[in-house]
C-alpha atoms as a PDB file:
ATOM      1  CA  GLN A   1      -0.159  -0.306  -0.091  1.00  0.00           C
ATOM      2  CA  VAL A   2       0.583   3.309  -1.478  1.00  0.00           C
ATOM      3  CA  GLN A   3       1.321   5.726   1.684  1.00  0.00           C
ATOM      4  CA  LEU A   4       3.026   8.645   4.033  1.00  0.00           C
ATOM      5  CA  VAL A   5       3.032   7.796   7.881  1.00  0.00           C
ATOM      6  CA  GLU A   6       3.282  10.951  10.481  1.00  0.00           C
ATOM      7  CA  SER A   7       4.779  10.397  13.809  1.00  0.00           C
ATOM      8  CA  GLY A   8       4.914  14.044  16.237  1.00  0.00           C
ATOM      9  CA  GLY A   9       2.625  16.963  16.657  1.00  0.00           C
ATOM     10  CA  GLY A  10       1.318  18.544  19.633  1.00  0.00           C
ATOM     11  CA  LEU A  11       0.889  21.017  21.960  1.00  0.00           C
ATOM     12  CA  VAL A  12       4.751  22.569  22.781  1.00  0.00           C
ATOM     13  CA  GLN A  13       5.099  25.506  25.167  1.00  0.00           C
ATOM     14  CA  PRO A  14       6.227  28.780  22.823  1.00  0.00           C
ATOM     15  CA  GLY A  15      10.479  28.269  22.362  1.00  0.00           C
ATOM     16  CA  GLY A  16      10.689  25.401  22.681  1.00  0.00           C
ATOM     17  CA  SER A  17      11.510  22.036  20.074  1.00  0.00           C
ATOM     18  CA  LEU A  18       8.902  19.584  17.891  1.00  0.00           C
ATOM     19  CA  ARG A  19      10.277  16.466  15.701  1.00  0.00           C
ATOM     20  CA  LEU A  20       8.209  15.780  12.917  1.00  0.00           C
ATOM     21  CA  SER A  21       9.199  12.523  11.517  1.00  0.00           C
ATOM     22  CA  CYS A  22       7.642  10.418   7.982  1.00  0.00           C
ATOM     23  CA  GLU A  23       8.260   7.798   6.406  1.00  0.00           C
ATOM     24  CA  ALA A  24       7.075   6.339   3.554  1.00  0.00           C
ATOM     25  CA  SER A  25       5.848   3.359   2.472  1.00  0.00           C
ATOM     26  CA  GLY A  26       4.755   0.925  -0.880  1.00  0.00           C
ATOM     27  CA  VAL A  27       7.085   3.175  -3.507  1.00  0.00           C
ATOM     28  CA  SER A  28      10.438   2.900  -4.270  1.00  0.00           C
ATOM     29  CA  THR A  29      13.983   3.860  -3.606  1.00  0.00           C
ATOM     30  CA  SER A  30      14.558   6.663  -6.832  1.00  0.00           C
ATOM     31  CA  PRO A  31      14.509   9.457  -5.954  1.00  0.00           C
ATOM     32  CA  ASN A  32      13.113  12.221  -4.855  1.00  0.00           C
ATOM     33  CA  VAL A  33      12.178  14.621  -2.741  1.00  0.00           C
ATOM     34  CA  MET A  34      10.497  14.343   0.541  1.00  0.00           C
ATOM     35  CA  GLY A  35       9.488  17.427   3.277  1.00  0.00           C
ATOM     36  CA  TRP A  36       6.970  19.042   4.706  1.00  0.00           C
ATOM     37  CA  TYR A  37       4.408  21.941   3.809  1.00  0.00           C
ATOM     38  CA  ARG A  38       2.441  23.459   6.939  1.00  0.00           C
ATOM     39  CA  GLN A  39      -1.581  24.928   6.658  1.00  0.00           C
ATOM     40  CA  ALA A  40      -2.845  27.559   8.642  1.00  0.00           C
ATOM     41  CA  PRO A  41      -6.278  28.318  10.140  1.00  0.00           C
ATOM     42  CA  GLY A  42      -7.810  30.579   7.128  1.00  0.00           C
ATOM     43  CA  LYS A  43      -4.403  30.970   5.360  1.00  0.00           C
ATOM     44  CA  GLN A  44      -2.758  28.652   2.347  1.00  0.00           C
ATOM     45  CA  ARG A  45      -1.001  25.650   2.332  1.00  0.00           C
ATOM     46  CA  GLU A  46       2.957  26.796   2.491  1.00  0.00           C
ATOM     47  CA  LEU A  47       6.095  25.022   2.650  1.00  0.00           C
ATOM     48  CA  VAL A  48       8.264  24.436   5.855  1.00  0.00           C
ATOM     49  CA  ALA A  49      11.222  21.720   4.488  1.00  0.00           C
ATOM     50  CA  THR A  50      12.536  19.958   1.710  1.00  0.00           C
ATOM     51  CA  GLN A  51      15.310  18.011   0.787  1.00  0.00           C
ATOM     52  CA  THR A  52      16.517  15.611  -2.182  1.00  0.00           C
ATOM     53  CA  THR A  53      18.198  11.648  -1.726  1.00  0.00           C
ATOM     54  CA  GLY A  54      21.377  13.705  -2.704  1.00  0.00           C
ATOM     55  CA  GLY A  55      20.531  16.156   0.010  1.00  0.00           C
ATOM     56  CA  ILE A  56      19.026  19.068  -1.384  1.00  0.00           C
ATOM     57  CA  THR A  57      17.487  21.181   1.045  1.00  0.00           C
ATOM     58  CA  ASN A  58      14.437  24.227   0.510  1.00  0.00           C
ATOM     59  CA  TYR A  59      13.430  25.740   3.635  1.00  0.00           C
ATOM     60  CA  ALA A  60      10.907  28.393   4.525  1.00  0.00           C
ATOM     61  CA  ASP A  61      11.895  32.119   5.592  1.00  0.00           C
ATOM     62  CA  SER A  62      10.010  31.521   8.369  1.00  0.00           C
ATOM     63  CA  VAL A  63      11.641  28.038  10.101  1.00  0.00           C
ATOM     64  CA  LYS A  64      15.508  30.284   9.119  1.00  0.00           C
ATOM     65  CA  GLY A  65      18.352  29.054  11.399  1.00  0.00           C
ATOM     66  CA  ARG A  66      15.573  27.237  13.852  1.00  0.00           C
ATOM     67  CA  SER A  67      15.031  24.190  11.743  1.00  0.00           C
ATOM     68  CA  THR A  68      17.114  21.132  10.027  1.00  0.00           C
ATOM     69  CA  ILE A  69      15.545  18.625   8.007  1.00  0.00           C
ATOM     70  CA  SER A  70      17.165  15.855   7.677  1.00  0.00           C
ATOM     71  CA  ARG A  71      16.525  12.140   4.999  1.00  0.00           C
ATOM     72  CA  ASP A  72      17.496   8.074   6.319  1.00  0.00           C
ATOM     73  CA  GLY A  73      17.459   6.340   3.350  1.00  0.00           C
ATOM     74  CA  ALA A  74      15.224   7.259   0.423  1.00  0.00           C
ATOM     75  CA  LYS A  75      12.273   6.770   1.997  1.00  0.00           C
ATOM     76  CA  MET A  76      12.014   8.750   6.086  1.00  0.00           C
ATOM     77  CA  VAL A  77      12.196  12.190   6.391  1.00  0.00           C
ATOM     78  CA  ARG A  78      12.317  13.860   9.592  1.00  0.00           C
ATOM     79  CA  LEU A  79      11.893  17.777  10.572  1.00  0.00           C
ATOM     80  CA  GLN A  80      13.020  19.333  13.760  1.00  0.00           C
ATOM     81  CA  ILE A  81      11.925  23.365  14.784  1.00  0.00           C
ATOM     82  CA  ASN A  82      13.328  24.792  17.266  1.00  0.00           C
ATOM     83  CA  ASN A  83      12.051  27.937  18.708  1.00  0.00           C
ATOM     84  CA  LEU A  84       8.835  27.252  18.210  1.00  0.00           C
ATOM     85  CA  LYS A  85       6.188  30.233  18.412  1.00  0.00           C
ATOM     86  CA  PRO A  86       2.398  30.471  18.501  1.00  0.00           C
ATOM     87  CA  GLU A  87       2.083  31.887  14.879  1.00  0.00           C
ATOM     88  CA  ASP A  88       4.256  27.860  13.635  1.00  0.00           C
ATOM     89  CA  THR A  89       0.589  26.216  15.229  1.00  0.00           C
ATOM     90  CA  ALA A  90      -0.510  24.553  11.741  1.00  0.00           C
ATOM     91  CA  VAL A  91      -1.593  21.497  10.341  1.00  0.00           C
ATOM     92  CA  TYR A  92       2.357  19.573   9.151  1.00  0.00           C
ATOM     93  CA  PHE A  93       2.029  17.571   5.835  1.00  0.00           C
ATOM     94  CA  CYS A  94       5.218  14.624   4.589  1.00  0.00           C
ATOM     95  CA  THR A  95       5.073  14.712   1.034  1.00  0.00           C
ATOM     96  CA  PHE A  96       6.748  13.012  -1.023  1.00  0.00           C
ATOM     97  CA  ARG A  97       7.918  13.246  -5.036  1.00  0.00           C
ATOM     98  CA  ARG A  98      10.017  10.740  -7.055  1.00  0.00           C
ATOM     99  CA  LEU A  99      11.881  13.631  -8.417  1.00  0.00           C
ATOM    100  CA  LEU A 100      10.987  11.915 -11.841  1.00  0.00           C
ATOM    101  CA  GLY A 101       7.704  12.279 -12.048  1.00  0.00           C
ATOM    102  CA  GLY A 102       4.871   9.873 -11.794  1.00  0.00           C
ATOM    103  CA  VAL A 103       4.455   9.412  -7.678  1.00  0.00           C
ATOM    104  CA  ASP A 104       3.246  12.587  -5.475  1.00  0.00           C
ATOM    105  CA  LEU A 105       1.977  11.660  -2.840  1.00  0.00           C
ATOM    106  CA  TRP A 106       0.238  13.794   0.999  1.00  0.00           C
ATOM    107  CA  GLY A 107      -0.281  12.691   4.041  1.00  0.00           C
ATOM    108  CA  GLN A 108      -3.024  13.349   6.185  1.00  0.00           C
ATOM    109  CA  GLY A 109      -1.508  16.087   8.388  1.00  0.00           C
ATOM    110  CA  THR A 110      -0.080  16.046  12.043  1.00  0.00           C
ATOM    111  CA  GLN A 111      -1.688  19.487  14.877  1.00  0.00           C
ATOM    112  CA  VAL A 112       1.064  20.944  15.936  1.00  0.00           C
ATOM    113  CA  THR A 113      -0.179  23.935  17.970  1.00  0.00           C
ATOM    114  CA  VAL A 114       1.959  26.145  20.305  1.00  0.00           C
ATOM    115  CA  SER A 115       0.819  27.753  22.521  1.00  0.00           C
ATOM    116  CA  SER A 116       1.206  27.850  26.310  1.00  0.00           C
END
């Protein structure tokens, strides 16, 4: 079964840290890009960070310098965000896209709430 399984998320206090993980199943190990997008209430979905199997990363300016994306093989991606702010509150979605095309997956989303 082709799917993305996300873990992590939850309620975090401002200034805290969070780690999200996502594992793809039912896909090959061909070159791909995995990462995270997020959508806050009433806002459009936006990029958080992505990383290719070759190690190329892309971060949103809003998280640059306080987040790290990493890959563990071709099918797993992790994201750590430090110094969380209330504006980081959103549903975070994992994505997987094969660089040669043909496969474009989205996870179901995991809620991250930053609040005291």
